[in-house]
Amino acid sequence: MATFTILSGDFSGTSWRLEDEILSSGFYNTQLLPITEITEITEITKKEVIGKNLYVDFKLGDKYQFTAQMKEKDFKAIYEKFLKVGKNPKEKELPLTKKSTSNVIFSILGVLFLLSIFSSSSESFDATKDLTQNEKIKVCKNYIGSMFGVSPNIMRTGIIKNDDGFFAEIIYTRKVDNTQWKNMCHISGNNITWASLYDNQLGRWRFEDEVQLEVTSKTEESKTISGGNLFSLTL
C-alpha cells in the first residue's frame, strides 16, 4: 500500500494511503481525496533523492495544492493511478469524509483474537508439566541470576529432584571474591521461588520473592517465558 505525508499546503501534517483510486487519511472519520480530483503531480526533487525520499507537488482542481514526502515506489504507484483516472475534477470541496465502522470492527476483532490466544495459552500452561527438565533448569538459572545480578552462563546445577514440583540446586562462583554460592530453586505449577543452601542445610523458602511464570509469546519454533518483572527467557 502506497503511503505519504503532506508537509505543507492544504491538509498539511496528515498522512495518507492509496486505496484503489482514492487517497485516504484517518481511521474512523476517514478523509478522502479521489485520484480523479488531481490535476497535476510534479516531482520537485528533480530525480535527486533526498534521504531516500521524494518530494512531490500535488494540485487538485484550481483550489487545492500541497507538497508531500514519499518513497519512490509509492510515488510510482500513485502516479500510475493518476495517469489512468486523473485530471477529471468534479468535487467543489475537499476532502470528502466518511465514517469507516468496518476498520473499527476489524480492529476490535483482531484485539479480541490476540487476547484469546494469550489467555488460552496462559490458562493451559503448567511450567512443571509443560517444560522439559533442561528448560526448567534454564528458567531457574535466569530466576536466580535476576535475584542476585549474576549471569546464568556461569551457573551449574547440582541436585535435581522431581518430587512435589521441580527442584534444582543452582551453583555459581562469585567473581568479586571467588566464593561459591548455592541456592535451591523450586518450580511448582507456575510458581517459582528459592531458598539458600549453606553447609548442605536448606534455608527458609523466600516466598516473598515468589513470582508466577507465564507464556508471553509462542510460535511453532519457540516460546517466551516471563517471571514477573524479573526476567524474560526465550526457549
Protein backbone atom coordinates (compact mmCIF):
# COMPACT_ATOMS: atom_id res chain seq x y z
CA MET A 1 0.00 0.00 0.00
CA ALA A 2 1.43 3.35 -1.08
CA THR A 3 1.65 5.94 1.72
CA PHE A 4 2.85 9.52 2.06
CA THR A 5 2.85 12.53 4.40
CA ILE A 6 1.73 16.04 3.45
CA LEU A 7 4.39 18.51 4.59
CA SER A 8 2.94 21.85 3.53
CA GLY A 9 -0.03 23.42 1.81
CA ASP A 10 -3.59 22.18 2.17
CA PHE A 11 -4.11 19.25 4.59
CA SER A 12 -0.51 19.65 5.93
CA GLY A 13 0.63 17.40 8.75
CA THR A 14 -1.58 14.48 7.72
CA SER A 15 -0.65 11.00 6.50
CA TRP A 16 -2.37 9.35 3.56
CA ARG A 17 -2.58 5.98 1.83
CA LEU A 18 -3.58 4.86 -1.64
CA GLU A 19 -6.69 2.68 -1.69
CA ASP A 20 -7.69 1.72 -5.23
CA GLU A 21 -8.43 5.09 -6.89
CA ILE A 22 -8.71 7.14 -3.69
CA LEU A 23 -6.22 8.71 -1.29
CA SER A 24 -7.49 8.27 2.26
CA SER A 25 -6.47 9.51 5.69
CA GLY A 26 -7.70 8.61 9.14
CA PHE A 27 -9.19 5.53 10.70
CA TYR A 28 -12.81 6.04 11.76
CA ASN A 29 -13.53 9.58 10.50
CA THR A 30 -11.84 9.00 7.15
CA GLN A 31 -10.87 11.82 4.77
CA LEU A 32 -10.86 11.06 1.05
CA LEU A 33 -9.15 12.62 -1.98
CA PRO A 34 -10.25 10.87 -5.20
CA ILE A 35 -7.42 10.48 -7.73
CA THR A 36 -9.82 11.96 -10.30
CA GLU A 37 -9.53 15.31 -8.50
CA ILE A 38 -5.76 15.52 -9.03
CA THR A 39 -4.95 17.77 -11.98
CA GLU A 40 -1.16 17.85 -11.69
CA ILE A 41 1.63 15.89 -10.00
CA THR A 42 5.19 17.24 -10.13
CA GLU A 43 8.26 15.68 -8.56
CA ILE A 44 10.25 18.61 -7.19
CA THR A 45 13.39 16.67 -6.19
CA LYS A 46 14.31 16.62 -9.90
CA LYS A 47 15.37 12.98 -9.74
CA GLU A 48 17.63 13.70 -6.78
CA VAL A 49 16.64 11.52 -3.86
CA ILE A 50 16.98 13.29 -0.51
CA GLY A 51 17.37 10.79 2.33
CA LYS A 52 15.71 8.13 0.13
CA ASN A 53 12.52 10.24 -0.01
CA LEU A 54 10.90 12.07 -2.89
CA TYR A 55 9.18 15.43 -2.55
CA VAL A 56 6.16 15.91 -4.79
CA ASP A 57 3.76 18.79 -5.55
CA PHE A 58 0.06 17.97 -5.99
CA LYS A 59 -2.65 20.18 -7.45
CA LEU A 60 -6.35 19.31 -7.11
CA GLY A 61 -8.69 21.31 -9.32
CA ASP A 62 -7.85 25.00 -9.18
CA LYS A 63 -8.34 25.37 -5.43
CA TYR A 64 -6.12 22.91 -3.52
CA GLN A 65 -2.41 22.14 -3.57
CA PHE A 66 0.16 20.58 -1.26
CA THR A 67 3.70 19.19 -1.08
CA ALA A 68 4.13 15.59 0.08
CA GLN A 69 7.01 13.33 1.09
CA MET A 70 7.04 9.69 -0.04
CA LYS A 71 9.16 6.74 -1.11
CA GLU A 72 9.96 6.27 -4.79
CA LYS A 73 7.86 3.09 -5.05
CA ASP A 74 4.88 4.91 -3.51
CA PHE A 75 5.26 7.80 -5.95
CA LYS A 76 5.27 5.32 -8.84
CA ALA A 77 2.04 3.65 -7.65
CA ILE A 78 0.22 6.97 -7.17
CA TYR A 79 1.47 8.41 -10.46
CA GLU A 80 0.30 5.34 -12.39
CA LYS A 81 -3.20 5.78 -10.92
CA PHE A 82 -3.08 9.48 -11.80
CA LEU A 83 -2.25 8.67 -15.44
CA LYS A 84 -5.25 6.33 -15.61
CA VAL A 85 -8.01 8.36 -13.93
CA GLY A 86 -6.63 11.79 -13.01
CA LYS A 87 -7.49 15.23 -14.40
CA ASN A 88 -11.23 14.76 -14.04
CA PRO A 89 -12.21 17.00 -11.06
CA LYS A 90 -15.87 17.12 -10.04
CA GLU A 91 -15.92 17.99 -6.34
CA LYS A 92 -16.16 21.59 -5.13
CA GLU A 93 -14.99 20.92 -1.57
CA LEU A 94 -12.24 18.55 -0.45
CA PRO A 95 -11.54 16.34 1.33
CA LEU A 96 -14.61 14.14 1.23
CA THR A 97 -15.39 12.44 4.54
CA LYS A 98 -16.94 9.18 5.67
CA LYS A 99 -17.13 7.12 8.85
CA SER A 100 -15.45 3.72 8.50
CA THR A 101 -17.07 1.38 11.02
CA SER A 102 -15.51 -1.64 9.33
CA ASN A 103 -12.00 -0.50 10.35
CA VAL A 104 -13.09 -0.25 13.97
CA ILE A 105 -14.87 -3.62 13.90
CA PHE A 106 -11.90 -5.43 12.35
CA SER A 107 -9.53 -3.84 14.87
CA ILE A 108 -11.71 -4.89 17.81
CA LEU A 109 -11.98 -8.43 16.44
CA GLY A 110 -8.21 -8.56 15.97
CA VAL A 111 -7.55 -7.45 19.55
CA LEU A 112 -10.07 -9.96 20.91
CA PHE A 113 -8.45 -12.73 18.85
CA LEU A 114 -4.98 -11.94 20.21
CA LEU A 115 -6.30 -11.72 23.76
CA SER A 116 -7.97 -15.12 23.38
CA ILE A 117 -4.69 -16.65 22.18
CA PHE A 118 -2.66 -15.29 25.08
CA SER A 119 -5.41 -16.04 27.57
CA SER A 120 -5.80 -19.65 26.47
CA SER A 121 -2.05 -20.23 26.40
CA SER A 122 -1.65 -18.80 29.93
CA GLU A 123 -4.59 -20.74 31.35
CA SER A 124 -3.39 -24.08 29.95
CA PHE A 125 0.29 -23.56 30.78
CA ASP A 126 1.78 -25.53 33.67
CA ALA A 127 5.53 -24.96 33.95
CA THR A 128 6.11 -28.12 36.00
CA LYS A 129 4.45 -30.33 33.38
CA ASP A 130 4.91 -28.43 30.11
CA LEU A 131 8.61 -27.55 30.30
CA THR A 132 11.36 -30.10 29.79
CA GLN A 133 13.90 -30.61 32.56
CA ASN A 134 16.50 -28.66 30.61
CA GLU A 135 14.05 -25.78 30.10
CA LYS A 136 13.19 -25.71 33.80
CA ILE A 137 16.90 -25.57 34.63
CA LYS A 138 17.29 -22.57 32.30
CA VAL A 139 14.30 -20.89 33.97
CA CYS A 140 15.82 -21.50 37.40
CA LYS A 141 19.19 -20.10 36.36
CA ASN A 142 17.57 -16.95 34.96
CA TYR A 143 15.43 -16.55 38.08
CA ILE A 144 18.38 -16.91 40.49
CA GLY A 145 20.55 -14.77 38.21
CA SER A 146 17.94 -11.99 38.23
CA MET A 147 17.65 -12.16 42.01
CA PHE A 148 21.40 -11.78 42.60
CA GLY A 149 22.63 -9.96 39.50
CA VAL A 150 24.63 -12.95 38.26
CA SER A 151 24.88 -14.22 34.70
CA PRO A 152 23.20 -17.62 34.15
CA ASN A 153 26.19 -18.51 31.96
CA ILE A 154 28.45 -19.03 34.99
CA MET A 155 25.95 -21.26 36.79
CA ARG A 156 25.86 -25.04 37.02
CA THR A 157 23.42 -27.45 38.58
CA GLY A 158 23.80 -29.88 41.45
CA ILE A 159 20.90 -31.85 42.89
CA ILE A 160 17.86 -32.27 40.61
CA LYS A 161 14.59 -33.61 42.06
CA ASN A 162 11.12 -34.10 40.59
CA ASP A 163 9.14 -34.60 43.77
CA ASP A 164 6.27 -32.24 44.67
CA GLY A 165 7.29 -30.00 41.80
CA PHE A 166 10.74 -29.43 40.36
CA PHE A 167 13.85 -28.73 42.47
CA ALA A 168 17.23 -27.66 41.09
CA GLU A 169 20.38 -26.80 43.02
CA ILE A 170 21.96 -23.78 41.33
CA ILE A 171 25.67 -23.23 41.98
CA TYR A 172 27.95 -20.38 40.94
CA THR A 173 31.25 -18.80 41.98
CA ARG A 174 31.13 -15.08 42.62
CA LYS A 175 33.95 -13.41 40.69
CA VAL A 176 34.49 -10.46 43.04
CA ASP A 177 35.65 -12.66 45.94
CA ASN A 178 35.86 -16.15 44.40
CA THR A 179 33.29 -17.52 46.87
CA GLN A 180 30.89 -20.29 45.94
CA TRP A 181 27.16 -19.84 46.36
CA LYS A 182 24.39 -22.43 46.30
CA ASN A 183 20.66 -21.90 46.11
CA MET A 184 17.74 -24.26 45.68
CA CYS A 185 15.17 -23.29 43.04
CA HIS A 186 11.65 -24.70 43.27
CA ILE A 187 9.04 -24.68 40.49
CA SER A 188 5.55 -25.76 41.49
CA GLY A 189 2.84 -25.33 38.89
CA ASN A 190 3.58 -21.87 37.55
CA ASN A 191 5.18 -20.51 40.73
CA ILE A 192 8.92 -20.25 41.27
CA THR A 193 10.81 -19.44 44.48
CA TRP A 194 14.18 -20.11 46.11
CA ALA A 195 16.00 -20.97 49.32
CA SER A 196 19.68 -20.72 50.22
CA LEU A 197 21.95 -23.74 50.75
CA TYR A 198 24.75 -23.45 53.29
CA ASP A 199 26.80 -26.43 54.51
CA ASN A 200 24.20 -28.61 52.81
CA GLN A 201 21.49 -27.11 55.04
CA LEU A 202 18.43 -25.68 53.33
CA GLY A 203 17.44 -22.21 54.48
CA ARG A 204 13.88 -20.92 54.60
CA TRP A 205 11.89 -20.61 51.39
CA ARG A 206 11.79 -16.99 50.24
CA PHE A 207 8.11 -16.80 49.43
CA GLU A 208 8.35 -13.01 49.40
CA ASP A 209 10.39 -13.41 46.18
CA GLU A 210 7.98 -15.89 44.59
CA VAL A 211 6.86 -14.98 41.07
CA GLN A 212 4.49 -16.55 38.59
CA LEU A 213 5.76 -17.96 35.30
CA GLU A 214 3.78 -17.05 32.19
CA VAL A 215 4.00 -17.70 28.47
CA THR A 216 4.11 -14.22 26.96
CA SER A 217 4.55 -15.32 23.34
CA LYS A 218 4.59 -18.61 21.47
CA THR A 219 5.39 -19.81 17.96
CA GLU A 220 5.90 -23.24 16.45
CA GLU A 221 9.66 -22.91 17.00
CA SER A 222 9.89 -21.19 20.38
CA LYS A 223 8.14 -19.74 23.39
CA THR A 224 8.98 -16.88 25.73
CA ILE A 225 8.63 -17.38 29.48
CA SER A 226 8.47 -14.39 31.80
CA GLY A 227 8.95 -14.37 35.54
CA GLY A 228 7.08 -11.28 36.68
CA ASN A 229 9.28 -8.23 36.17
CA LEU A 230 12.44 -10.18 36.94
CA PHE A 231 13.28 -11.88 33.67
CA SER A 232 12.12 -12.95 30.23
CA LEU A 233 13.54 -16.06 28.58
CA THR A 234 13.04 -17.42 25.06
CA LEU A 235 13.20 -21.21 24.89
